[in-house]
Amino acid sequence: MNCQAFFSLFSLLLLCLNCTRTLAQSPAAAPVQAPPVSPVQSPPAPPAQAPSGVQVAASPGPTDVVKILEKAGHFTILARLLKATQENSELLSELNNTNNGVTIFAPTDNSFSSLKVGTLNSLSDGQKAELVKFHVVPAFISSSQFQTVSNPVRTQAGTGGRLSLNVTTVGSLVNIATGLTNASVSGTVYTDNQLAIYQVDKVLLPLDLFTPKPPAPAPVPGPESPIKKAPAVDSATVPNDLSGAVNSIGYNNVASLAVAMVAAILH
């Protein structure tokens, strides 16, 4: 009986060892994979900074000169004149419908304040428009082109004579002369590939508006009307005794004298 119990216990022990070996030989569990990591994107590069004091167009679109001047902060009088003379609308159309470009010489508010009191108020609407146009060149001029620009420079007001505007350079200095004003370019307000606005330290005064116009030439007299003269009378055809009478009476009575002479002969 004890032997049978011993064999049963031994068989149970062998069974336990076999199960333990089977479990040990089972395949290992697959390692847990870490979740995929999203690639880290570098932050976008900051936009290039424009030089201090110079506005540069950030995106394409209609260019409004008045808004640029108002944003600059010290061109309120010029901006007001542009609107009052409708020049801002003309500039907007030219900038967005042509490829010529525009250059503007912009006097500051202090420049206008330096004018004689009442100067602007003394101008008619047409004269104010001419003054504004005299500050606008219908072509894009970069700062490097001032050295090669052709004089006199044509403005929207005209060119040459009483509307003469000449640009000269000495090193990096740019001078503008009108015959009445010698101004200097003191900075760049705005620039892109079509519009350039330069600050000037004086209002550009054209001779056409601020100096007396020469007197009009005297009218040239027309050809004189021919004066009809009485036909000359040949003294040879007048008898000697009547020549004195002809001279004293005149040629208008020659016919009457001739009739009287014929009557005397017949009697």
Protein backbone atom coordinates (compact mmCIF):
# COMPACT_ATOMS: atom_id res chain seq x y z
CA MET A 1 0.00 0.00 0.00
CA ASN A 2 2.82 2.36 0.81
CA CYS A 3 4.52 1.50 -2.46
CA GLN A 4 1.43 2.38 -4.43
CA ALA A 5 1.19 5.72 -2.68
CA PHE A 6 4.83 6.37 -3.39
CA PHE A 7 4.39 5.71 -7.13
CA SER A 8 1.34 7.98 -7.27
CA LEU A 9 3.25 10.79 -5.61
CA PHE A 10 6.21 10.21 -7.95
CA SER A 11 3.94 10.31 -11.04
CA LEU A 12 2.38 13.56 -9.83
CA LEU A 13 5.84 15.06 -9.37
CA LEU A 14 6.86 14.07 -12.92
CA LEU A 15 3.67 15.64 -14.30
CA CYS A 16 4.41 18.90 -12.55
CA LEU A 17 7.97 18.98 -13.91
CA ASN A 18 6.70 18.34 -17.47
CA CYS A 19 4.21 21.23 -17.26
CA THR A 20 6.88 23.59 -15.96
CA ARG A 21 9.21 22.64 -18.88
CA THR A 22 6.41 23.23 -21.43
CA LEU A 23 5.67 26.65 -20.09
CA ALA A 24 9.35 27.56 -20.16
CA GLN A 25 9.63 26.59 -23.85
CA SER A 26 6.61 28.72 -24.99
CA PRO A 27 7.51 31.70 -27.36
CA ALA A 28 8.26 35.03 -25.70
CA ALA A 29 5.68 37.77 -26.00
CA ALA A 30 6.37 40.39 -28.70
CA PRO A 31 7.78 43.59 -27.31
CA VAL A 32 5.38 46.51 -27.09
CA GLN A 33 6.17 49.06 -29.79
CA ALA A 34 6.25 52.72 -28.86
CA PRO A 35 3.73 54.95 -30.71
CA PRO A 36 5.19 56.71 -33.79
CA VAL A 37 6.61 60.14 -33.08
CA SER A 38 5.54 62.96 -35.43
CA PRO A 39 8.47 64.83 -36.96
CA VAL A 40 9.05 68.21 -35.37
CA GLN A 41 8.72 71.07 -37.92
CA SER A 42 11.04 73.99 -37.59
CA PRO A 43 9.28 77.34 -37.07
CA PRO A 44 8.90 79.52 -40.19
CA ALA A 45 11.67 82.02 -40.76
CA PRO A 46 10.68 85.60 -39.85
CA PRO A 47 10.20 87.98 -42.80
CA ALA A 48 13.13 90.12 -43.80
CA GLN A 49 13.05 93.48 -42.12
CA ALA A 50 12.96 96.61 -44.28
CA PRO A 51 15.47 99.38 -43.60
CA SER A 52 14.36 101.69 -40.84
CA GLY A 53 12.03 104.48 -42.01
CA VAL A 54 11.29 102.91 -45.41
CA GLN A 55 7.94 101.33 -46.17
CA VAL A 56 7.92 98.38 -48.57
CA ALA A 57 4.80 96.86 -50.11
CA ALA A 58 4.05 93.56 -48.31
CA SER A 59 1.62 92.08 -50.82
CA PRO A 60 0.43 92.93 -54.33
CA GLY A 61 -2.62 95.14 -54.61
CA PRO A 62 -3.71 98.70 -55.41
CA THR A 63 -1.17 101.24 -54.22
CA ASP A 64 -2.79 104.17 -52.42
CA VAL A 65 -0.36 107.09 -52.17
CA VAL A 66 -2.54 109.00 -49.71
CA LYS A 67 -2.64 106.08 -47.27
CA ILE A 68 1.14 105.71 -47.47
CA LEU A 69 1.65 109.40 -46.71
CA GLU A 70 -0.89 109.38 -43.88
CA LYS A 71 0.80 106.34 -42.34
CA ALA A 72 4.16 108.12 -42.49
CA GLY A 73 2.66 110.74 -40.20
CA HIS A 74 4.10 114.11 -41.29
CA PHE A 75 2.72 114.60 -44.81
CA THR A 76 -0.88 115.55 -43.94
CA ILE A 77 -0.91 118.77 -46.00
CA LEU A 78 0.37 117.02 -49.13
CA ALA A 79 -2.14 114.18 -48.62
CA ARG A 80 -4.94 116.73 -48.30
CA LEU A 81 -3.86 118.48 -51.51
CA LEU A 82 -3.73 115.17 -53.36
CA LYS A 83 -7.33 114.46 -52.40
CA ALA A 84 -8.59 118.01 -53.01
CA THR A 85 -7.12 118.14 -56.54
CA GLN A 86 -8.14 114.54 -57.41
CA GLU A 87 -4.49 113.80 -58.10
CA ASN A 88 -4.69 110.73 -55.83
CA SER A 89 -7.21 109.12 -58.21
CA GLU A 90 -4.98 109.85 -61.19
CA LEU A 91 -1.99 108.32 -59.41
CA LEU A 92 -4.00 105.24 -58.43
CA SER A 93 -5.04 104.72 -62.05
CA GLU A 94 -1.53 105.26 -63.39
CA LEU A 95 0.10 102.89 -60.90
CA ASN A 96 -2.37 100.08 -61.50
CA ASN A 97 -2.93 100.43 -65.25
CA THR A 98 0.51 101.32 -66.64
CA ASN A 99 4.07 100.09 -66.27
CA ASN A 100 5.77 103.50 -66.24
CA GLY A 101 5.85 103.89 -62.50
CA VAL A 102 5.73 107.14 -60.48
CA THR A 103 8.19 109.16 -58.43
CA ILE A 104 6.91 111.69 -55.87
CA PHE A 105 8.90 114.42 -54.14
CA ALA A 106 6.99 114.83 -50.87
CA PRO A 107 7.40 118.04 -48.83
CA THR A 108 6.78 117.62 -45.11
CA ASP A 109 4.22 119.60 -43.14
CA ASN A 110 7.07 121.76 -41.83
CA SER A 111 8.03 122.57 -45.41
CA PHE A 112 4.54 123.87 -46.17
CA SER A 113 4.53 125.82 -42.89
CA SER A 114 7.70 127.61 -44.03
CA LEU A 115 5.88 129.18 -46.98
CA LYS A 116 4.67 132.75 -46.81
CA VAL A 117 1.38 132.98 -44.92
CA GLY A 118 -1.59 132.62 -47.26
CA THR A 119 0.43 131.15 -50.14
CA LEU A 120 -1.78 128.10 -50.65
CA ASN A 121 -5.02 130.02 -50.05
CA SER A 122 -4.05 132.50 -52.77
CA LEU A 123 -3.97 129.77 -55.41
CA SER A 124 -6.97 128.76 -57.48
CA ASP A 125 -8.02 125.11 -57.73
CA GLY A 126 -6.25 124.84 -61.08
CA GLN A 127 -3.06 126.34 -59.67
CA LYS A 128 -3.13 123.97 -56.69
CA ALA A 129 -3.43 121.05 -59.10
CA GLU A 130 -0.44 122.37 -61.06
CA LEU A 131 1.60 122.71 -57.85
CA VAL A 132 0.85 119.11 -56.84
CA LYS A 133 1.62 117.77 -60.33
CA PHE A 134 4.95 119.63 -60.24
CA HIS A 135 6.00 117.26 -57.43
CA VAL A 136 5.13 114.11 -59.43
CA VAL A 137 7.39 112.53 -62.07
CA PRO A 138 5.52 110.07 -64.33
CA ALA A 139 8.34 107.50 -64.18
CA PHE A 140 9.95 105.36 -61.50
CA ILE A 141 13.35 106.71 -60.39
CA SER A 142 15.37 104.64 -57.96
CA SER A 143 17.84 106.33 -55.64
CA SER A 144 20.73 105.06 -57.78
CA GLN A 145 19.26 106.62 -60.94
CA PHE A 146 19.44 110.22 -59.71
CA GLN A 147 23.03 110.43 -60.92
CA THR A 148 22.05 109.64 -64.52
CA VAL A 149 18.67 111.34 -64.81
CA SER A 150 18.24 113.71 -67.77
CA ASN A 151 17.51 117.37 -67.04
CA PRO A 152 15.15 119.09 -67.11
CA VAL A 153 13.03 116.35 -65.52
CA ARG A 154 9.51 116.10 -66.92
CA THR A 155 6.80 116.32 -64.28
CA GLN A 156 3.07 115.85 -64.62
CA ALA A 157 2.79 119.65 -64.81
CA GLY A 158 5.03 119.84 -67.89
CA THR A 159 8.69 120.39 -68.64
CA GLY A 160 11.16 123.15 -69.41
CA GLY A 161 10.68 126.89 -69.46
CA ARG A 162 8.61 128.08 -66.51
CA LEU A 163 8.11 124.48 -65.32
CA SER A 164 11.78 123.55 -65.22
CA LEU A 165 12.93 121.03 -62.59
CA ASN A 166 16.57 119.92 -62.46
CA VAL A 167 18.13 117.17 -60.34
CA THR A 168 21.84 117.17 -59.45
CA THR A 169 23.88 114.95 -57.16
CA VAL A 170 27.03 115.45 -55.12
CA GLY A 171 28.09 112.14 -53.70
CA SER A 172 25.03 110.74 -51.95
CA LEU A 173 23.31 114.15 -51.73
CA VAL A 174 20.47 114.84 -54.17
CA ASN A 175 19.53 118.46 -54.92
CA ILE A 176 16.41 119.68 -56.76
CA ALA A 177 16.27 123.16 -58.31
CA THR A 178 13.27 124.92 -59.84
CA GLY A 179 14.59 128.44 -60.40
CA LEU A 180 12.90 129.56 -57.17
CA THR A 181 13.61 126.64 -54.84
CA ASN A 182 16.74 124.67 -53.99
CA ALA A 183 15.59 121.59 -52.08
CA SER A 184 17.31 118.42 -50.93
CA VAL A 185 16.11 114.83 -50.74
CA SER A 186 16.28 114.03 -47.02
CA GLY A 187 15.02 110.46 -47.02
CA THR A 188 13.00 107.68 -48.64
CA VAL A 189 9.39 107.36 -47.50
CA TYR A 190 8.35 104.39 -49.66
CA THR A 191 9.76 102.32 -52.47
CA ASP A 192 8.89 99.25 -54.50
CA ASN A 193 9.45 98.37 -58.14
CA GLN A 194 6.89 100.91 -59.38
CA LEU A 195 6.49 103.73 -56.84
CA ALA A 196 9.13 105.81 -55.10
CA ILE A 197 8.31 108.57 -52.59
CA TYR A 198 11.19 110.77 -51.46
CA GLN A 199 11.00 113.30 -48.64
CA VAL A 200 12.19 116.80 -49.57
CA ASP A 201 12.90 119.63 -47.17
CA LYS A 202 11.14 122.37 -49.17
CA VAL A 203 8.04 122.82 -51.29
CA LEU A 204 9.04 122.89 -54.96
CA LEU A 205 7.78 126.20 -56.35
CA PRO A 206 7.54 126.46 -60.15
CA LEU A 207 8.26 129.76 -61.87
CA ASP A 208 4.97 129.42 -63.72
CA LEU A 209 2.94 130.00 -60.53
CA PHE A 210 5.07 132.27 -58.39
CA THR A 211 6.64 134.79 -60.77
CA PRO A 212 4.87 137.33 -62.99
CA LYS A 213 4.21 136.09 -66.45
CA PRO A 214 5.85 138.10 -69.26
CA PRO A 215 3.50 140.57 -70.99
CA ALA A 216 1.75 139.32 -74.05
CA PRO A 217 3.38 140.49 -77.28
CA ALA A 218 1.70 143.42 -79.00
CA PRO A 219 -0.62 142.38 -81.82
CA VAL A 220 0.94 142.59 -85.24
CA PRO A 221 -0.97 145.10 -87.39
CA GLY A 222 -2.58 143.66 -90.46
CA PRO A 223 -1.92 144.91 -93.98
CA GLU A 224 -3.26 148.41 -94.54
CA SER A 225 -6.19 148.90 -96.88
CA PRO A 226 -5.05 150.47 -100.15
CA ILE A 227 -6.06 154.13 -100.49
CA LYS A 228 -7.70 154.90 -103.76
CA LYS A 229 -6.21 157.94 -105.42
CA ALA A 230 -7.79 160.11 -108.05
CA PRO A 231 -6.44 159.42 -111.50
CA ALA A 232 -3.70 161.79 -112.50
CA VAL A 233 -4.49 164.30 -115.27
CA ASP A 234 -1.89 164.92 -117.90
CA SER A 235 -1.31 168.65 -118.06
CA ALA A 236 -0.48 168.34 -121.75
CA THR A 237 -4.13 167.65 -122.51
CA VAL A 238 -5.29 170.81 -120.80
CA PRO A 239 -5.07 174.11 -122.66
CA ASN A 240 -2.55 176.61 -121.34
CA ASP A 241 -5.20 179.18 -120.50
CA LEU A 242 -7.06 176.64 -118.34
CA SER A 243 -4.08 175.01 -116.59
CA GLY A 244 -4.23 177.54 -113.76
CA ALA A 245 -7.93 176.95 -113.36
CA VAL A 246 -7.37 173.19 -113.23
CA ASN A 247 -4.73 173.58 -110.56
CA SER A 248 -6.91 175.92 -108.46
CA ILE A 249 -10.23 174.17 -108.87
CA GLY A 250 -9.02 170.63 -108.83
CA TYR A 251 -9.36 167.60 -110.93
CA ASN A 252 -12.98 166.96 -110.07
CA ASN A 253 -14.10 169.91 -112.23
CA VAL A 254 -12.09 168.94 -115.31
CA ALA A 255 -15.15 167.56 -117.06
CA SER A 256 -17.17 170.75 -116.45
CA LEU A 257 -14.37 172.91 -117.81
CA ALA A 258 -14.07 170.71 -120.87
CA VAL A 259 -17.79 171.14 -121.64
CA ALA A 260 -17.56 174.93 -121.24
CA MET A 261 -14.58 175.12 -123.59
CA VAL A 262 -16.37 173.16 -126.30
CA ALA A 263 -19.42 175.45 -126.02
CA ALA A 264 -17.22 178.56 -126.40
CA ILE A 265 -15.62 177.22 -129.55
CA LEU A 266 -18.97 176.49 -131.15
CA HIS A 267 -20.18 180.04 -130.64
